[in-house]
């Protein structure tokens, strides 16, 4: 039990550090684009397209090279990179909720500069929230099926990888529910008929997905 608790704490700390780095990277890209008077959409689409291309590239790599590589480790690294990339995009997707809280707090305290800044960030994250969500879905799907194909190529792989795949599959199913709820929220907002509690359910599902990801990462 102590070992499990330690693993969870270490995993949580690692995820928080990655999240902080993701936020700093986003702010750096955002600030640079604003300084150069370039559209923020350039940065968003560059990140999204890069993520999708990487998913395709790694998947093709596994199909072409998977049978010829006898060792498992060279094959595991690309799959782990896909999972890492998916989490980075997830930080941006979840970021709108925290940014909204920050914006409301700054607005209440009367901090004009920080209020304007947090509002601008919130508008960007809110606008591209659906895009980030679908990119997370695609990269996470590539991550999961990468390891499924890996197990097909190497059926004698250790039980730890099989356990990781099982937990990852649970996370992927929850993500599917999360994306479906997000789609319904988006369509309901367009029709101006948003059912009561749908946003809350979407948010709670996102927290559940994040919790599973923490466990998934910690038990590796």
C-alpha atoms as a PDB file:
ATOM      1  CA  UNK A   1       0.000   0.000   0.000  1.00  0.00           C
ATOM      2  CA  UNK A   2       2.849   2.381   0.861  1.00  0.00           C
ATOM      3  CA  UNK A   3       4.521   1.626  -2.465  1.00  0.00           C
ATOM      4  CA  UNK A   4       1.281   2.283  -4.346  1.00  0.00           C
ATOM      5  CA  UNK A   5       0.748   5.565  -2.497  1.00  0.00           C
ATOM      6  CA  UNK A   6       4.311   6.639  -3.257  1.00  0.00           C
ATOM      7  CA  UNK A   7       3.842   5.814  -6.938  1.00  0.00           C
ATOM      8  CA  UNK A   8       0.633   7.848  -7.075  1.00  0.00           C
ATOM      9  CA  UNK A   9       2.257  10.846  -5.387  1.00  0.00           C
ATOM     10  CA  UNK A  10       5.261  10.684  -7.701  1.00  0.00           C
ATOM     11  CA  UNK A  11       2.969  10.351 -10.699  1.00  0.00           C
ATOM     12  CA  UNK A  12       0.894  13.334  -9.571  1.00  0.00           C
ATOM     13  CA  UNK A  13       4.008  15.462  -9.065  1.00  0.00           C
ATOM     14  CA  UNK A  14       5.299  14.465 -12.494  1.00  0.00           C
ATOM     15  CA  UNK A  15       1.988  15.347 -14.136  1.00  0.00           C
ATOM     16  CA  UNK A  16       1.884  18.716 -12.356  1.00  0.00           C
ATOM     17  CA  UNK A  17       5.400  19.509 -13.569  1.00  0.00           C
ATOM     18  CA  UNK A  18       4.482  18.595 -17.139  1.00  0.00           C
ATOM     19  CA  UNK A  19       1.318  20.689 -16.860  1.00  0.00           C
ATOM     20  CA  UNK A  20       3.332  23.693 -15.671  1.00  0.00           C
ATOM     21  CA  UNK A  21       5.763  23.272 -18.575  1.00  0.00           C
ATOM     22  CA  UNK A  22       2.833  23.006 -20.994  1.00  0.00           C
ATOM     23  CA  UNK A  23       1.340  26.228 -19.633  1.00  0.00           C
ATOM     24  CA  UNK A  24       4.676  28.050 -19.869  1.00  0.00           C
ATOM     25  CA  UNK A  25       5.116  26.826 -23.455  1.00  0.00           C
ATOM     26  CA  UNK A  26       1.615  28.029 -24.332  1.00  0.00           C
ATOM     27  CA  UNK A  27       2.225  31.449 -22.785  1.00  0.00           C
ATOM     28  CA  UNK A  28       5.553  31.729 -24.605  1.00  0.00           C
ATOM     29  CA  UNK A  29       3.973  30.883 -27.962  1.00  0.00           C
ATOM     30  CA  UNK A  30       1.001  33.162 -27.271  1.00  0.00           C
ATOM     31  CA  UNK A  31       3.215  36.055 -26.186  1.00  0.00           C
ATOM     32  CA  UNK A  32       5.511  35.652 -29.191  1.00  0.00           C
ATOM     33  CA  UNK A  33       2.618  35.637 -31.649  1.00  0.00           C
ATOM     34  CA  UNK A  34       1.063  38.708 -30.041  1.00  0.00           C
ATOM     35  CA  UNK A  35       4.418  40.491 -30.014  1.00  0.00           C
ATOM     36  CA  UNK A  36       4.883  39.762 -33.722  1.00  0.00           C
ATOM     37  CA  UNK A  37       1.235  40.698 -34.367  1.00  0.00           C
ATOM     38  CA  UNK A  38       0.551  37.283 -35.855  1.00  0.00           C
ATOM     39  CA  UNK A  39      -2.769  35.419 -35.495  1.00  0.00           C
ATOM     40  CA  UNK A  40      -2.922  33.163 -32.445  1.00  0.00           C
ATOM     41  CA  UNK A  41      -4.650  30.620 -34.666  1.00  0.00           C
ATOM     42  CA  UNK A  42      -1.296  29.994 -36.348  1.00  0.00           C
ATOM     43  CA  UNK A  43       0.128  28.612 -33.124  1.00  0.00           C
ATOM     44  CA  UNK A  44      -2.977  26.584 -32.314  1.00  0.00           C
ATOM     45  CA  UNK A  45      -3.178  24.961 -35.734  1.00  0.00           C
ATOM     46  CA  UNK A  46       0.578  24.343 -35.830  1.00  0.00           C
ATOM     47  CA  UNK A  47       0.391  22.437 -32.529  1.00  0.00           C
ATOM     48  CA  UNK A  48      -2.687  20.512 -33.665  1.00  0.00           C
ATOM     49  CA  UNK A  49      -1.354  19.557 -37.097  1.00  0.00           C
ATOM     50  CA  UNK A  50       2.022  18.580 -35.620  1.00  0.00           C
ATOM     51  CA  UNK A  51       0.267  16.297 -33.127  1.00  0.00           C
ATOM     52  CA  UNK A  52      -1.802  14.627 -35.824  1.00  0.00           C
ATOM     53  CA  UNK A  53       1.177  14.161 -38.150  1.00  0.00           C
ATOM     54  CA  UNK A  54       3.203  12.646 -35.321  1.00  0.00           C
ATOM     55  CA  UNK A  55       0.392  10.192 -34.595  1.00  0.00           C
ATOM     56  CA  UNK A  56       0.331   9.078 -38.225  1.00  0.00           C
ATOM     57  CA  UNK A  57       4.142   8.915 -38.451  1.00  0.00           C
ATOM     58  CA  UNK A  58       4.528   6.727 -35.361  1.00  0.00           C
ATOM     59  CA  UNK A  59       1.712   4.442 -36.462  1.00  0.00           C
ATOM     60  CA  UNK A  60       3.293   3.967 -39.894  1.00  0.00           C
ATOM     61  CA  UNK A  61       6.652   3.359 -38.199  1.00  0.00           C
ATOM     62  CA  UNK A  62       5.178   0.542 -36.120  1.00  0.00           C
ATOM     63  CA  UNK A  63       3.524  -1.097 -39.108  1.00  0.00           C
ATOM     64  CA  UNK A  64       6.686  -0.934 -41.219  1.00  0.00           C
ATOM     65  CA  UNK A  65       9.311  -1.657 -38.551  1.00  0.00           C
ATOM     66  CA  UNK A  66       7.440  -3.556 -35.861  1.00  0.00           C
ATOM     67  CA  UNK A  67       8.139  -7.017 -37.247  1.00  0.00           C
ATOM     68  CA  UNK A  68      11.835  -6.363 -37.882  1.00  0.00           C
ATOM     69  CA  UNK A  69      12.721  -5.034 -34.420  1.00  0.00           C
ATOM     70  CA  UNK A  70      13.389  -7.863 -32.007  1.00  0.00           C
ATOM     71  CA  UNK A  71      13.702  -5.659 -28.939  1.00  0.00           C
ATOM     72  CA  UNK A  72      10.582  -4.185 -27.431  1.00  0.00           C
ATOM     73  CA  UNK A  73      12.017  -0.949 -26.003  1.00  0.00           C
ATOM     74  CA  UNK A  74      12.634   0.812 -29.356  1.00  0.00           C
ATOM     75  CA  UNK A  75       8.958   0.222 -30.111  1.00  0.00           C
ATOM     76  CA  UNK A  76       7.667   1.393 -26.738  1.00  0.00           C
ATOM     77  CA  UNK A  77       9.265   4.828 -26.865  1.00  0.00           C
ATOM     78  CA  UNK A  78       7.185   6.207 -29.777  1.00  0.00           C
ATOM     79  CA  UNK A  79       4.007   5.010 -28.069  1.00  0.00           C
ATOM     80  CA  UNK A  80       5.008   6.740 -24.839  1.00  0.00           C
ATOM     81  CA  UNK A  81       5.715   9.911 -26.794  1.00  0.00           C
ATOM     82  CA  UNK A  82       2.195   9.799 -28.221  1.00  0.00           C
ATOM     83  CA  UNK A  83       0.765   9.494 -24.722  1.00  0.00           C
ATOM     84  CA  UNK A  84       2.911  12.396 -23.525  1.00  0.00           C
ATOM     85  CA  UNK A  85       1.808  14.545 -26.451  1.00  0.00           C
ATOM     86  CA  UNK A  86      -1.835  13.689 -25.835  1.00  0.00           C
ATOM     87  CA  UNK A  87      -1.489  14.813 -22.219  1.00  0.00           C
ATOM     88  CA  UNK A  88       0.097  18.129 -23.255  1.00  0.00           C
ATOM     89  CA  UNK A  89      -2.862  18.924 -25.502  1.00  0.00           C
ATOM     90  CA  UNK A  90      -5.219  17.808 -22.736  1.00  0.00           C
ATOM     91  CA  UNK A  91      -3.715  20.504 -20.481  1.00  0.00           C
ATOM     92  CA  UNK A  92      -4.770  23.131 -23.031  1.00  0.00           C
ATOM     93  CA  UNK A  93      -8.196  21.571 -23.371  1.00  0.00           C
ATOM     94  CA  UNK A  94      -8.780  21.560 -19.604  1.00  0.00           C
ATOM     95  CA  UNK A  95      -7.137  24.955 -19.209  1.00  0.00           C
ATOM     96  CA  UNK A  96     -10.249  26.951 -19.969  1.00  0.00           C
ATOM     97  CA  UNK A  97     -11.870  25.987 -16.650  1.00  0.00           C
ATOM     98  CA  UNK A  98      -8.897  27.099 -14.558  1.00  0.00           C
ATOM     99  CA  UNK A  99      -8.418  30.214 -16.680  1.00  0.00           C
ATOM    100  CA  UNK A 100     -12.053  31.148 -16.182  1.00  0.00           C
ATOM    101  CA  UNK A 101     -11.616  30.878 -12.405  1.00  0.00           C
ATOM    102  CA  UNK A 102      -8.507  33.052 -12.635  1.00  0.00           C
ATOM    103  CA  UNK A 103     -10.326  35.607 -14.774  1.00  0.00           C
ATOM    104  CA  UNK A 104     -13.247  35.863 -12.343  1.00  0.00           C
ATOM    105  CA  UNK A 105     -10.826  36.192  -9.418  1.00  0.00           C
ATOM    106  CA  UNK A 106      -8.828  38.958 -11.119  1.00  0.00           C
ATOM    107  CA  UNK A 107     -12.039  40.709 -12.126  1.00  0.00           C
ATOM    108  CA  UNK A 108     -13.248  40.646  -8.535  1.00  0.00           C
ATOM    109  CA  UNK A 109      -9.968  42.035  -7.171  1.00  0.00           C
ATOM    110  CA  UNK A 110      -9.891  44.822  -9.755  1.00  0.00           C
ATOM    111  CA  UNK A 111      -6.526  43.876 -11.289  1.00  0.00           C
ATOM    112  CA  UNK A 112      -7.056  45.495 -14.700  1.00  0.00           C
ATOM    113  CA  UNK A 113      -3.940  44.188 -16.459  1.00  0.00           C
ATOM    114  CA  UNK A 114      -4.293  40.624 -15.178  1.00  0.00           C
ATOM    115  CA  UNK A 115      -8.032  40.684 -15.821  1.00  0.00           C
ATOM    116  CA  UNK A 116      -7.502  41.650 -19.460  1.00  0.00           C
ATOM    117  CA  UNK A 117      -4.695  39.132 -19.902  1.00  0.00           C
ATOM    118  CA  UNK A 118      -6.612  36.225 -18.352  1.00  0.00           C
ATOM    119  CA  UNK A 119      -9.690  37.164 -20.382  1.00  0.00           C
ATOM    120  CA  UNK A 120      -7.699  37.074 -23.631  1.00  0.00           C
ATOM    121  CA  UNK A 121      -6.247  33.664 -22.739  1.00  0.00           C
ATOM    122  CA  UNK A 122      -9.717  32.418 -21.788  1.00  0.00           C
ATOM    123  CA  UNK A 123     -11.167  33.514 -25.126  1.00  0.00           C
ATOM    124  CA  UNK A 124      -8.436  31.619 -26.994  1.00  0.00           C
ATOM    125  CA  UNK A 125      -8.829  28.449 -24.932  1.00  0.00           C
ATOM    126  CA  UNK A 126     -12.614  28.594 -25.147  1.00  0.00           C
ATOM    127  CA  UNK A 127     -12.581  29.128 -28.906  1.00  0.00           C
ATOM    128  CA  UNK A 128     -10.244  26.213 -29.571  1.00  0.00           C
ATOM    129  CA  UNK A 129     -11.471  23.942 -26.771  1.00  0.00           C
ATOM    130  CA  UNK A 130     -13.351  21.626 -29.189  1.00  0.00           C
ATOM    131  CA  UNK A 131     -10.318  21.418 -31.478  1.00  0.00           C
ATOM    132  CA  UNK A 132      -7.992  20.558 -28.591  1.00  0.00           C
ATOM    133  CA  UNK A 133     -10.478  17.950 -27.413  1.00  0.00           C
ATOM    134  CA  UNK A 134     -10.578  16.175 -30.770  1.00  0.00           C
ATOM    135  CA  UNK A 135      -6.788  16.306 -31.089  1.00  0.00           C
ATOM    136  CA  UNK A 136      -6.533  14.668 -27.656  1.00  0.00           C
ATOM    137  CA  UNK A 137      -8.995  12.032 -28.816  1.00  0.00           C
ATOM    138  CA  UNK A 138      -7.036  11.258 -31.984  1.00  0.00           C
ATOM    139  CA  UNK A 139      -3.592  11.180 -30.344  1.00  0.00           C
ATOM    140  CA  UNK A 140      -4.902   9.108 -27.420  1.00  0.00           C
ATOM    141  CA  UNK A 141      -6.505   6.660 -29.858  1.00  0.00           C
ATOM    142  CA  UNK A 142      -3.234   6.377 -31.775  1.00  0.00           C
ATOM    143  CA  UNK A 143      -1.445   5.851 -28.443  1.00  0.00           C
ATOM    144  CA  UNK A 144      -3.798   3.030 -27.414  1.00  0.00           C
ATOM    145  CA  UNK A 145      -3.953   1.190 -30.727  1.00  0.00           C
ATOM    146  CA  UNK A 146      -0.188   1.538 -31.030  1.00  0.00           C
ATOM    147  CA  UNK A 147       0.200  -0.623 -27.929  1.00  0.00           C
ATOM    148  CA  UNK A 148      -2.541  -3.013 -29.007  1.00  0.00           C
ATOM    149  CA  UNK A 149      -0.672  -3.638 -32.247  1.00  0.00           C
ATOM    150  CA  UNK A 150       2.526  -3.918 -30.213  1.00  0.00           C
ATOM    151  CA  UNK A 151       1.010  -6.737 -28.169  1.00  0.00           C
ATOM    152  CA  UNK A 152      -0.049  -8.471 -31.374  1.00  0.00           C
ATOM    153  CA  UNK A 153       3.537  -8.289 -32.641  1.00  0.00           C
ATOM    154  CA  UNK A 154       5.020  -9.326 -29.290  1.00  0.00           C
ATOM    155  CA  UNK A 155       2.418 -11.518 -27.514  1.00  0.00           C
ATOM    156  CA  UNK A 156       4.959 -12.648 -24.891  1.00  0.00           C
ATOM    157  CA  UNK A 157       5.357  -9.121 -23.515  1.00  0.00           C
ATOM    158  CA  UNK A 158       5.367  -8.769 -19.725  1.00  0.00           C
ATOM    159  CA  UNK A 159       2.157  -8.436 -17.721  1.00  0.00           C
ATOM    160  CA  UNK A 160       2.929  -4.844 -16.747  1.00  0.00           C
ATOM    161  CA  UNK A 161       2.389  -3.652 -20.304  1.00  0.00           C
ATOM    162  CA  UNK A 162      -0.833  -5.649 -20.474  1.00  0.00           C
ATOM    163  CA  UNK A 163      -2.003  -3.972 -17.246  1.00  0.00           C
ATOM    164  CA  UNK A 164      -1.086  -0.562 -18.638  1.00  0.00           C
ATOM    165  CA  UNK A 165      -3.061  -1.325 -21.780  1.00  0.00           C
ATOM    166  CA  UNK A 166      -6.105  -2.347 -19.740  1.00  0.00           C
ATOM    167  CA  UNK A 167      -5.999   0.852 -17.686  1.00  0.00           C
ATOM    168  CA  UNK A 168      -5.339   2.872 -20.823  1.00  0.00           C
ATOM    169  CA  UNK A 169      -8.377   1.305 -22.472  1.00  0.00           C
ATOM    170  CA  UNK A 170     -10.540   2.397 -19.528  1.00  0.00           C
ATOM    171  CA  UNK A 171      -9.149   5.928 -19.889  1.00  0.00           C
ATOM    172  CA  UNK A 172      -9.858   5.838 -23.626  1.00  0.00           C
ATOM    173  CA  UNK A 173     -13.483   4.779 -23.052  1.00  0.00           C
ATOM    174  CA  UNK A 174     -13.970   7.597 -20.539  1.00  0.00           C
ATOM    175  CA  UNK A 175     -12.407   9.964 -23.064  1.00  0.00           C
ATOM    176  CA  UNK A 176     -14.950   8.771 -25.617  1.00  0.00           C
ATOM    177  CA  UNK A 177     -17.759   9.697 -23.224  1.00  0.00           C
ATOM    178  CA  UNK A 178     -16.053  13.034 -22.547  1.00  0.00           C
ATOM    179  CA  UNK A 179     -15.797  13.868 -26.253  1.00  0.00           C
ATOM    180  CA  UNK A 180     -19.415  12.851 -26.824  1.00  0.00           C
ATOM    181  CA  UNK A 181     -20.582  15.110 -24.000  1.00  0.00           C
ATOM    182  CA  UNK A 182     -18.470  17.936 -25.382  1.00  0.00           C
ATOM    183  CA  UNK A 183     -20.067  17.463 -28.802  1.00  0.00           C
ATOM    184  CA  UNK A 184     -23.558  17.597 -27.282  1.00  0.00           C
ATOM    185  CA  UNK A 185     -22.652  20.720 -25.273  1.00  0.00           C
ATOM    186  CA  UNK A 186     -21.362  22.444 -28.405  1.00  0.00           C
ATOM    187  CA  UNK A 187     -24.481  21.607 -30.408  1.00  0.00           C
ATOM    188  CA  UNK A 188     -26.773  22.579 -27.534  1.00  0.00           C
ATOM    189  CA  UNK A 189     -25.043  25.960 -27.226  1.00  0.00           C
ATOM    190  CA  UNK A 190     -25.489  26.533 -30.962  1.00  0.00           C
ATOM    191  CA  UNK A 191     -29.217  25.804 -30.628  1.00  0.00           C
ATOM    192  CA  UNK A 192     -29.359  27.826 -27.390  1.00  0.00           C
ATOM    193  CA  UNK A 193     -30.979  24.847 -25.677  1.00  0.00           C
ATOM    194  CA  UNK A 194     -28.374  23.679 -23.178  1.00  0.00           C
ATOM    195  CA  UNK A 195     -29.810  21.070 -20.765  1.00  0.00           C
ATOM    196  CA  UNK A 196     -29.240  21.872 -17.118  1.00  0.00           C
ATOM    197  CA  UNK A 197     -26.253  20.043 -15.684  1.00  0.00           C
ATOM    198  CA  UNK A 198     -24.737  19.012 -19.033  1.00  0.00           C
ATOM    199  CA  UNK A 199     -21.708  21.279 -18.630  1.00  0.00           C
ATOM    200  CA  UNK A 200     -21.236  20.017 -15.077  1.00  0.00           C
ATOM    201  CA  UNK A 201     -21.382  16.406 -16.257  1.00  0.00           C
ATOM    202  CA  UNK A 202     -18.827  17.222 -18.948  1.00  0.00           C
ATOM    203  CA  UNK A 203     -16.532  18.779 -16.337  1.00  0.00           C
ATOM    204  CA  UNK A 204     -16.919  15.876 -13.874  1.00  0.00           C
ATOM    205  CA  UNK A 205     -16.145  13.397 -16.656  1.00  0.00           C
ATOM    206  CA  UNK A 206     -13.022  15.409 -17.488  1.00  0.00           C
ATOM    207  CA  UNK A 207     -11.903  15.154 -13.851  1.00  0.00           C
ATOM    208  CA  UNK A 208     -12.539  11.403 -13.900  1.00  0.00           C
ATOM    209  CA  UNK A 209     -10.461  11.085 -17.061  1.00  0.00           C
ATOM    210  CA  UNK A 210      -7.653  13.098 -15.475  1.00  0.00           C
ATOM    211  CA  UNK A 211      -7.756  10.880 -12.381  1.00  0.00           C
ATOM    212  CA  UNK A 212      -7.444   7.717 -14.474  1.00  0.00           C
ATOM    213  CA  UNK A 213      -4.541   9.263 -16.384  1.00  0.00           C
ATOM    214  CA  UNK A 214      -2.747   9.997 -13.099  1.00  0.00           C
ATOM    215  CA  UNK A 215      -3.111   6.356 -12.043  1.00  0.00           C
ATOM    216  CA  UNK A 216      -2.144   5.156 -15.535  1.00  0.00           C
ATOM    217  CA  UNK A 217       1.065   7.199 -15.492  1.00  0.00           C
ATOM    218  CA  UNK A 218       1.915   6.451 -11.854  1.00  0.00           C
ATOM    219  CA  UNK A 219       1.772   2.659 -12.124  1.00  0.00           C
ATOM    220  CA  UNK A 220       4.251   2.375 -14.989  1.00  0.00           C
END
